Amino acid sequence: MKKFHYVYLTTNLINGKQYVGDHSTNNLNDNYKGSGILLRKKFKQYRKENFKKEILEFFGTKQEAFNAQEKWINDYNTLVPNGYNISPKGGLHISGCHSKETIEKIRKGNLGKSYKHTEETKKLISIGLTNRPASKKVVKNMSKVGKSNKGKKRSEEFKENLRKLCQGNKEYGKGSAGKVWVFNKEINKSIKIYPEEFGKYSKLGWQNGRKFSKEHKQKLKEAALKRWS
């Protein structure tokens, strides 16, 4: 529980613009000058030492101090562009927090924006989602669906569409069926490739299905135990 709750006024000593905020603290000399979005940018632009803070009013609770900001923002006229407050109530994510000017800027900024993905982007998203491991919840739901569909008869049209889908995936290169792991001891990394790609990767030093002797396995085991002991 903080001891002091107050509304403060921070002034830019270079251009005179001001900011109203509320603060709760146990130390009145904590050098706090504000944390508003626009104010923080101005700290970087003008250097924080060129700003002066003064306490306007103390309150019994943080909520009372927060609620009082609107009055002091109006009294000192600190809303942008006159000052550094971007909310007439002193806080964001609450009803009426944005000024009319801020709302207009947001509206203009969103004009002409399209959130529809291009075909190329859709293709990249599809590739990125392919073979992504399913969560336990998804696997469980899939299992339930599988059980509920057990014994159901599918129409010929459904079967044909399924065949086309599977064939399309095969031609597109989706899925990991038929792929095997290959390992490169120099970079200590493995990837999955199709068997027909062995020739290409063997030239780069990739090893497929390498086997270790009993002696080597024992050394690996001892090294692992040593690391974790």
Protein backbone atom coordinates (compact mmCIF):
# COMPACT_ATOMS: atom_id res chain seq x y z
CA MET A 1 0.00 0.00 0.00
CA LYS A 2 1.44 3.34 -1.08
CA LYS A 3 1.55 6.20 1.40
CA PHE A 4 1.10 9.19 -0.93
CA HIS A 5 -1.37 9.66 -3.82
CA TYR A 6 -1.35 12.89 -5.80
CA VAL A 7 -1.91 14.68 -9.11
CA TYR A 8 1.16 16.37 -10.57
CA LEU A 9 2.05 18.80 -13.35
CA THR A 10 5.18 18.26 -15.46
CA THR A 11 6.42 21.24 -17.49
CA ASN A 12 8.82 21.28 -20.43
CA LEU A 13 11.19 24.15 -19.51
CA ILE A 14 12.20 24.60 -23.16
CA ASN A 15 8.83 25.11 -24.85
CA GLY A 16 6.45 25.45 -21.87
CA LYS A 17 4.20 22.51 -22.78
CA GLN A 18 2.77 20.60 -19.82
CA TYR A 19 1.46 17.21 -18.76
CA VAL A 20 -0.93 16.24 -15.95
CA GLY A 21 -0.76 12.81 -14.33
CA ASP A 22 -1.36 10.91 -11.11
CA HIS A 23 1.20 9.04 -9.02
CA SER A 24 1.29 6.84 -5.92
CA THR A 25 4.51 6.45 -3.94
CA ASN A 26 6.16 6.07 -0.53
CA ASN A 27 8.89 8.56 -1.43
CA LEU A 28 8.00 12.09 -2.51
CA ASN A 29 11.56 12.53 -3.82
CA ASP A 30 11.57 9.51 -6.16
CA ASN A 31 12.32 11.74 -9.18
CA TYR A 32 9.18 10.54 -10.98
CA LYS A 33 8.13 12.98 -13.71
CA GLY A 34 5.51 11.00 -15.61
CA SER A 35 5.06 8.01 -17.89
CA GLY A 36 2.61 9.17 -20.55
CA ILE A 37 3.20 7.80 -24.05
CA LEU A 38 3.83 11.21 -25.63
CA LEU A 39 5.65 12.52 -22.56
CA ARG A 40 8.20 9.68 -22.65
CA LYS A 41 8.99 10.55 -26.27
CA LYS A 42 9.55 14.17 -25.28
CA PHE A 43 11.89 13.07 -22.47
CA LYS A 44 14.11 11.52 -25.15
CA GLN A 45 13.80 14.53 -27.43
CA TYR A 46 14.44 17.30 -24.89
CA ARG A 47 16.25 15.31 -22.11
CA LYS A 48 14.48 14.56 -18.85
CA GLU A 49 16.44 17.12 -16.83
CA ASN A 50 14.73 19.86 -18.85
CA PHE A 51 11.35 18.96 -17.32
CA LYS A 52 10.07 20.18 -13.96
CA LYS A 53 7.40 18.45 -11.85
CA GLU A 54 5.18 20.00 -9.19
CA ILE A 55 2.49 18.40 -7.04
CA LEU A 56 -0.96 19.92 -7.54
CA GLU A 57 -3.12 18.05 -5.01
CA PHE A 58 -2.92 15.11 -2.57
CA PHE A 59 -5.63 12.45 -2.19
CA GLY A 60 -6.49 9.63 0.18
CA THR A 61 -6.52 6.90 -2.51
CA LYS A 62 -5.03 6.24 -5.93
CA GLN A 63 -8.50 6.09 -7.51
CA GLU A 64 -9.34 9.57 -6.20
CA ALA A 65 -6.10 10.91 -7.65
CA PHE A 66 -6.80 9.23 -10.97
CA ASN A 67 -10.33 10.63 -11.14
CA ALA A 68 -9.07 14.17 -10.40
CA GLN A 69 -6.82 14.28 -13.46
CA GLU A 70 -9.64 15.32 -15.80
CA LYS A 71 -10.24 18.53 -13.82
CA TRP A 72 -6.56 19.52 -13.80
CA ILE A 73 -6.12 18.65 -17.49
CA ASN A 74 -8.95 21.07 -18.29
CA ASP A 75 -7.58 23.74 -15.94
CA TYR A 76 -4.10 23.68 -17.48
CA ASN A 77 -5.28 22.87 -21.03
CA THR A 78 -2.69 20.09 -21.43
CA LEU A 79 -4.41 18.05 -24.14
CA VAL A 80 -2.51 17.74 -27.43
CA PRO A 81 -1.57 19.86 -29.28
CA ASN A 82 -1.43 22.36 -26.39
CA GLY A 83 0.20 19.84 -24.02
CA TYR A 84 1.30 16.21 -23.74
CA ASN A 85 -1.90 14.55 -22.48
CA ILE A 86 -3.55 12.42 -25.16
CA SER A 87 -6.54 11.47 -22.99
CA PRO A 88 -8.94 14.05 -21.49
CA LYS A 89 -9.40 11.73 -18.50
CA GLY A 90 -5.72 11.10 -17.89
CA GLY A 91 -5.73 7.38 -18.71
CA LEU A 92 -6.14 5.03 -21.66
CA HIS A 93 -8.42 1.99 -22.13
CA ILE A 94 -11.34 3.63 -20.34
CA SER A 95 -14.54 5.14 -21.73
CA GLY A 96 -13.92 8.54 -23.30
CA CYS A 97 -10.14 8.29 -22.88
CA HIS A 98 -9.30 9.68 -26.34
CA SER A 99 -9.70 13.30 -27.30
CA LYS A 100 -11.58 14.22 -30.49
CA GLU A 101 -8.28 15.10 -32.15
CA THR A 102 -6.74 11.73 -31.24
CA ILE A 103 -9.81 9.87 -32.51
CA GLU A 104 -9.59 11.77 -35.80
CA LYS A 105 -5.88 10.91 -36.15
CA ILE A 106 -6.63 7.22 -35.53
CA ARG A 107 -9.47 7.34 -38.08
CA LYS A 108 -7.26 8.95 -40.75
CA GLY A 109 -4.46 6.53 -40.01
CA ASN A 110 -6.76 3.57 -40.65
CA LEU A 111 -8.22 4.95 -43.89
CA GLY A 112 -7.34 2.90 -46.93
CA LYS A 113 -5.86 0.07 -44.90
CA SER A 114 -6.67 -3.39 -46.14
CA TYR A 115 -6.43 -6.35 -43.82
CA LYS A 116 -6.95 -8.91 -46.57
CA HIS A 117 -3.97 -11.17 -47.22
CA THR A 118 -2.54 -11.51 -50.70
CA GLU A 119 -2.45 -14.95 -52.33
CA GLU A 120 1.31 -15.07 -51.76
CA THR A 121 0.88 -14.28 -48.05
CA LYS A 122 -1.85 -16.93 -47.74
CA LYS A 123 0.47 -19.47 -49.34
CA LEU A 124 3.30 -18.62 -46.92
CA ILE A 125 0.93 -18.85 -43.94
CA SER A 126 -0.28 -22.23 -45.17
CA ILE A 127 3.29 -23.52 -45.46
CA GLY A 128 4.13 -22.19 -42.01
CA LEU A 129 1.18 -24.00 -40.46
CA THR A 130 1.85 -27.29 -42.24
CA ASN A 131 3.22 -30.04 -39.98
CA ARG A 132 3.02 -27.81 -36.91
CA PRO A 133 2.73 -30.09 -33.85
CA ALA A 134 -0.81 -30.21 -32.51
CA SER A 135 -1.47 -29.40 -28.85
CA LYS A 136 -2.75 -32.06 -26.45
CA LYS A 137 -6.15 -30.37 -26.49
CA VAL A 138 -6.33 -30.50 -30.29
CA VAL A 139 -5.23 -34.16 -30.34
CA LYS A 140 -7.90 -34.99 -27.76
CA ASN A 141 -10.60 -33.23 -29.80
CA MET A 142 -9.44 -34.97 -32.96
CA SER A 143 -9.68 -38.29 -31.15
CA LYS A 144 -13.27 -37.50 -30.13
CA VAL A 145 -14.15 -36.56 -33.72
CA GLY A 146 -12.54 -39.76 -34.96
CA LYS A 147 -14.60 -41.88 -32.59
CA SER A 148 -17.82 -40.05 -33.49
CA ASN A 149 -17.13 -40.62 -37.21
CA LYS A 150 -16.32 -44.30 -36.79
CA GLY A 151 -18.59 -46.49 -38.90
CA LYS A 152 -19.99 -43.57 -40.90
CA LYS A 153 -20.34 -44.07 -44.62
CA ARG A 154 -19.00 -41.39 -46.94
CA SER A 155 -20.50 -40.45 -50.27
CA GLU A 156 -18.54 -41.01 -53.46
CA GLU A 157 -18.36 -37.24 -53.93
CA PHE A 158 -16.77 -36.83 -50.50
CA LYS A 159 -14.24 -39.58 -51.23
CA GLU A 160 -13.34 -38.00 -54.58
CA ASN A 161 -12.79 -34.59 -52.99
CA LEU A 162 -10.62 -36.20 -50.32
CA ARG A 163 -8.53 -37.96 -52.98
CA LYS A 164 -8.03 -34.66 -54.84
CA LEU A 165 -7.00 -32.93 -51.63
CA CYS A 166 -4.46 -35.64 -50.78
CA GLN A 167 -3.12 -35.62 -54.32
CA GLY A 168 -2.80 -31.83 -54.24
CA ASN A 169 -0.88 -31.99 -51.00
CA LYS A 170 1.45 -34.60 -52.42
CA GLU A 171 2.17 -32.56 -55.54
CA TYR A 172 2.64 -29.38 -53.52
CA GLY A 173 5.20 -31.06 -51.28
CA LYS A 174 3.20 -30.78 -48.09
CA GLY A 175 3.38 -33.31 -45.29
CA SER A 176 6.32 -35.25 -43.93
CA ALA A 177 5.27 -38.76 -45.03
CA GLY A 178 8.27 -40.58 -46.47
CA LYS A 179 10.81 -38.18 -45.01
CA VAL A 180 13.68 -39.37 -42.83
CA TRP A 181 16.08 -37.65 -40.47
CA VAL A 182 19.68 -36.95 -41.56
CA PHE A 183 22.39 -35.71 -39.23
CA ASN A 184 25.54 -33.58 -39.67
CA LYS A 185 28.05 -34.13 -36.89
CA GLU A 186 30.01 -30.97 -37.76
CA ILE A 187 27.13 -28.60 -37.01
CA ASN A 188 25.28 -31.00 -34.68
CA LYS A 189 21.96 -30.51 -36.46
CA SER A 190 19.34 -32.74 -38.07
CA ILE A 191 16.67 -32.11 -40.70
CA LYS A 192 14.01 -34.21 -42.43
CA ILE A 193 14.44 -34.89 -46.15
CA TYR A 194 13.07 -37.26 -48.78
CA PRO A 195 15.20 -40.33 -49.65
CA GLU A 196 15.82 -39.05 -53.18
CA GLU A 197 17.64 -36.06 -51.65
CA PHE A 198 20.32 -38.22 -49.97
CA GLY A 199 22.79 -37.69 -52.80
CA LYS A 200 22.67 -33.91 -52.46
CA TYR A 201 23.11 -33.89 -48.70
CA SER A 202 25.72 -36.67 -48.57
CA LYS A 203 28.05 -34.40 -50.53
CA LEU A 204 27.64 -31.81 -47.78
CA GLY A 205 28.61 -34.25 -45.07
CA TRP A 206 25.15 -35.28 -43.90
CA GLN A 207 24.93 -38.79 -42.47
CA ASN A 208 21.84 -40.97 -42.63
CA GLY A 209 21.07 -43.63 -40.07
CA ARG A 210 24.61 -43.81 -38.69
CA LYS A 211 25.21 -46.58 -36.14
CA PHE A 212 27.40 -46.36 -33.02
CA SER A 213 29.51 -49.12 -31.55
CA LYS A 214 28.81 -50.34 -27.99
CA GLU A 215 32.01 -48.66 -26.82
CA HIS A 216 30.98 -45.33 -28.32
CA LYS A 217 27.47 -45.60 -26.86
CA GLN A 218 28.97 -46.18 -23.43
CA LYS A 219 31.15 -43.07 -23.80
CA LEU A 220 28.11 -41.01 -24.79
CA LYS A 221 26.19 -42.33 -21.77
CA GLU A 222 29.04 -41.51 -19.39
CA ALA A 223 29.38 -38.01 -20.84
CA ALA A 224 25.63 -37.41 -20.42
CA LEU A 225 25.67 -38.62 -16.83
CA LYS A 226 28.63 -36.38 -16.10
CA ARG A 227 26.85 -33.32 -17.52
CA TRP A 228 23.72 -33.90 -15.43
CA SER A 229 25.40 -35.01 -12.20
